[in-house]
Amino acid sequence: MIARLWSARTTQAKSQSYLQHFSSAVLPALRKFDGYVSTTVLTRPNNNETEILVITVWQSFTAIDAFAGSDHGAAVVAPEAAALLTDFDRRVRHFEVATTDGLSFG
């Protein structure tokens, strides 16, 4: 399993709009990809902005390539999402899932 980490920042006022966009548009699209396993979205208020960390889990880099294209390190950010963010990573980081507790990948 491969975890794909991406972070962004937005205003506190737009953070709920971004999370709604993620739930209604991004998650349904992710679920259509073979090899997609799960997503965790973390948020953290920081002064007047909100930091967002998105962790998607995939079965393999082949599955990630189907989602992200041949440059699997490139962030995939739709214009609708970018409009809700003040800044975001253009590149993602990948980690092999070495162990996890309380999650099922069945």
C-alpha atoms as a PDB file:
ATOM      1  CA  MET A   1       0.000   0.000   0.000  1.00  0.00           C
ATOM      2  CA  ILE A   2       1.149   3.496  -0.857  1.00  0.00           C
ATOM      3  CA  ALA A   3       0.056   6.622   1.034  1.00  0.00           C
ATOM      4  CA  ARG A   4      -0.059   9.826  -1.006  1.00  0.00           C
ATOM      5  CA  LEU A   5       0.209  13.034   1.057  1.00  0.00           C
ATOM      6  CA  TRP A   6      -0.833  16.478  -0.144  1.00  0.00           C
ATOM      7  CA  SER A   7      -1.360  19.668   1.829  1.00  0.00           C
ATOM      8  CA  ALA A   8      -3.078  22.983   1.267  1.00  0.00           C
ATOM      9  CA  ARG A   9      -4.079  26.133   3.063  1.00  0.00           C
ATOM     10  CA  THR A  10      -7.284  28.124   2.963  1.00  0.00           C
ATOM     11  CA  THR A  11      -9.103  30.761   4.945  1.00  0.00           C
ATOM     12  CA  GLN A  12     -11.176  29.605   7.866  1.00  0.00           C
ATOM     13  CA  ALA A  13     -14.216  31.001   6.057  1.00  0.00           C
ATOM     14  CA  LYS A  14     -13.600  28.801   2.992  1.00  0.00           C
ATOM     15  CA  SER A  15     -12.462  25.644   4.801  1.00  0.00           C
ATOM     16  CA  GLN A  16     -15.965  24.184   5.098  1.00  0.00           C
ATOM     17  CA  SER A  17     -16.621  24.903   1.422  1.00  0.00           C
ATOM     18  CA  TYR A  18     -13.443  23.050   0.491  1.00  0.00           C
ATOM     19  CA  LEU A  19     -14.390  20.066   2.677  1.00  0.00           C
ATOM     20  CA  GLN A  20     -17.849  20.002   1.090  1.00  0.00           C
ATOM     21  CA  HIS A  21     -16.270  20.070  -2.379  1.00  0.00           C
ATOM     22  CA  PHE A  22     -13.961  17.239  -1.363  1.00  0.00           C
ATOM     23  CA  SER A  23     -16.857  15.103  -0.114  1.00  0.00           C
ATOM     24  CA  SER A  24     -19.185  15.765  -3.018  1.00  0.00           C
ATOM     25  CA  ALA A  25     -16.760  15.859  -5.964  1.00  0.00           C
ATOM     26  CA  VAL A  26     -13.330  14.460  -5.116  1.00  0.00           C
ATOM     27  CA  LEU A  27     -14.301  11.347  -3.142  1.00  0.00           C
ATOM     28  CA  PRO A  28     -16.770  10.049  -5.748  1.00  0.00           C
ATOM     29  CA  ALA A  29     -14.118  10.522  -8.445  1.00  0.00           C
ATOM     30  CA  LEU A  30     -11.425   8.744  -6.400  1.00  0.00           C
ATOM     31  CA  ARG A  31     -13.700   5.776  -5.748  1.00  0.00           C
ATOM     32  CA  LYS A  32     -13.899   5.094  -9.492  1.00  0.00           C
ATOM     33  CA  PHE A  33     -10.181   4.236  -9.724  1.00  0.00           C
ATOM     34  CA  ASP A  34      -9.119   0.604  -9.434  1.00  0.00           C
ATOM     35  CA  GLY A  35      -6.582   0.372  -6.648  1.00  0.00           C
ATOM     36  CA  TYR A  36      -7.931   3.286  -4.612  1.00  0.00           C
ATOM     37  CA  VAL A  37      -8.230   2.226  -0.973  1.00  0.00           C
ATOM     38  CA  SER A  38      -9.128   5.148   1.307  1.00  0.00           C
ATOM     39  CA  THR A  39      -8.817   8.816   2.170  1.00  0.00           C
ATOM     40  CA  THR A  40      -8.204  10.705   5.384  1.00  0.00           C
ATOM     41  CA  VAL A  41      -8.541  14.492   5.488  1.00  0.00           C
ATOM     42  CA  LEU A  42      -7.000  16.302   8.448  1.00  0.00           C
ATOM     43  CA  THR A  43      -7.490  19.975   9.271  1.00  0.00           C
ATOM     44  CA  ARG A  44      -5.699  22.310  11.636  1.00  0.00           C
ATOM     45  CA  PRO A  45      -6.615  25.919  12.396  1.00  0.00           C
ATOM     46  CA  ASN A  46      -3.566  28.180  12.322  1.00  0.00           C
ATOM     47  CA  ASN A  47      -4.211  31.868  13.045  1.00  0.00           C
ATOM     48  CA  ASN A  48      -6.661  33.044  10.362  1.00  0.00           C
ATOM     49  CA  GLU A  49      -6.175  30.100   8.047  1.00  0.00           C
ATOM     50  CA  THR A  50      -6.805  26.381   8.041  1.00  0.00           C
ATOM     51  CA  GLU A  51      -4.200  23.835   7.030  1.00  0.00           C
ATOM     52  CA  ILE A  52      -5.483  20.759   5.216  1.00  0.00           C
ATOM     53  CA  LEU A  53      -3.648  17.456   4.875  1.00  0.00           C
ATOM     54  CA  VAL A  54      -5.103  14.864   2.520  1.00  0.00           C
ATOM     55  CA  ILE A  55      -3.839  11.289   2.744  1.00  0.00           C
ATOM     56  CA  THR A  56      -5.022   8.894   0.089  1.00  0.00           C
ATOM     57  CA  VAL A  57      -4.058   5.232   0.182  1.00  0.00           C
ATOM     58  CA  TRP A  58      -3.554   3.205  -2.983  1.00  0.00           C
ATOM     59  CA  GLN A  59      -2.723  -0.418  -3.687  1.00  0.00           C
ATOM     60  CA  SER A  60       0.224   0.439  -5.962  1.00  0.00           C
ATOM     61  CA  PHE A  61       1.981   3.100  -8.011  1.00  0.00           C
ATOM     62  CA  THR A  62       0.187   1.670 -11.044  1.00  0.00           C
ATOM     63  CA  ALA A  63      -3.097   2.682  -9.413  1.00  0.00           C
ATOM     64  CA  ILE A  64      -1.686   6.134  -8.595  1.00  0.00           C
ATOM     65  CA  ASP A  65      -0.523   6.554 -12.199  1.00  0.00           C
ATOM     66  CA  ALA A  66      -4.077   5.885 -13.411  1.00  0.00           C
ATOM     67  CA  PHE A  67      -5.214   8.766 -11.197  1.00  0.00           C
ATOM     68  CA  ALA A  68      -2.319  11.232 -11.493  1.00  0.00           C
ATOM     69  CA  GLY A  69      -0.768  10.356 -14.848  1.00  0.00           C
ATOM     70  CA  SER A  70       2.805   9.411 -15.660  1.00  0.00           C
ATOM     71  CA  ASP A  71       4.212  12.030 -13.255  1.00  0.00           C
ATOM     72  CA  HIS A  72       2.676  10.458 -10.162  1.00  0.00           C
ATOM     73  CA  GLY A  73       4.330  13.091  -7.972  1.00  0.00           C
ATOM     74  CA  ALA A  74       2.255  15.862  -9.516  1.00  0.00           C
ATOM     75  CA  ALA A  75      -0.633  17.152  -7.443  1.00  0.00           C
ATOM     76  CA  VAL A  76      -4.090  16.741  -8.951  1.00  0.00           C
ATOM     77  CA  VAL A  77      -6.106  19.838  -8.062  1.00  0.00           C
ATOM     78  CA  ALA A  78      -9.242  20.747  -9.985  1.00  0.00           C
ATOM     79  CA  PRO A  79      -9.812  24.448 -10.728  1.00  0.00           C
ATOM     80  CA  GLU A  80     -12.915  24.400  -8.490  1.00  0.00           C
ATOM     81  CA  ALA A  81     -10.779  23.234  -5.554  1.00  0.00           C
ATOM     82  CA  ALA A  82      -7.924  25.622  -6.298  1.00  0.00           C
ATOM     83  CA  ALA A  83     -10.395  28.519  -6.203  1.00  0.00           C
ATOM     84  CA  LEU A  84     -11.167  27.662  -2.561  1.00  0.00           C
ATOM     85  CA  LEU A  85      -7.517  27.508  -1.482  1.00  0.00           C
ATOM     86  CA  THR A  86      -4.986  30.226  -0.709  1.00  0.00           C
ATOM     87  CA  ASP A  87      -2.031  27.927  -1.421  1.00  0.00           C
ATOM     88  CA  PHE A  88      -1.399  24.245  -2.076  1.00  0.00           C
ATOM     89  CA  ASP A  89       1.384  21.788  -2.782  1.00  0.00           C
ATOM     90  CA  ARG A  90       2.164  21.345  -6.455  1.00  0.00           C
ATOM     91  CA  ARG A  91       3.977  18.089  -5.662  1.00  0.00           C
ATOM     92  CA  VAL A  92       2.869  15.253  -3.391  1.00  0.00           C
ATOM     93  CA  ARG A  93       4.850  12.883  -1.218  1.00  0.00           C
ATOM     94  CA  HIS A  94       4.483   9.099  -1.243  1.00  0.00           C
ATOM     95  CA  PHE A  95       5.146   6.714   1.618  1.00  0.00           C
ATOM     96  CA  GLU A  96       4.871   2.955   1.742  1.00  0.00           C
ATOM     97  CA  VAL A  97       2.414   1.943   4.447  1.00  0.00           C
ATOM     98  CA  ALA A  98       4.588  -0.100   6.800  1.00  0.00           C
ATOM     99  CA  THR A  99       1.966  -0.687   9.466  1.00  0.00           C
ATOM    100  CA  THR A 100      -1.417   0.600  10.466  1.00  0.00           C
ATOM    101  CA  ASP A 101      -3.693  -0.005  13.424  1.00  0.00           C
ATOM    102  CA  GLY A 102      -7.459   0.018  13.305  1.00  0.00           C
ATOM    103  CA  LEU A 103      -7.801   0.281   9.547  1.00  0.00           C
ATOM    104  CA  SER A 104      -8.839  -2.487   7.221  1.00  0.00           C
ATOM    105  CA  PHE A 105      -7.608  -2.751   3.666  1.00  0.00           C
ATOM    106  CA  GLY A 106      -9.849  -5.725   2.862  1.00  0.00           C
END
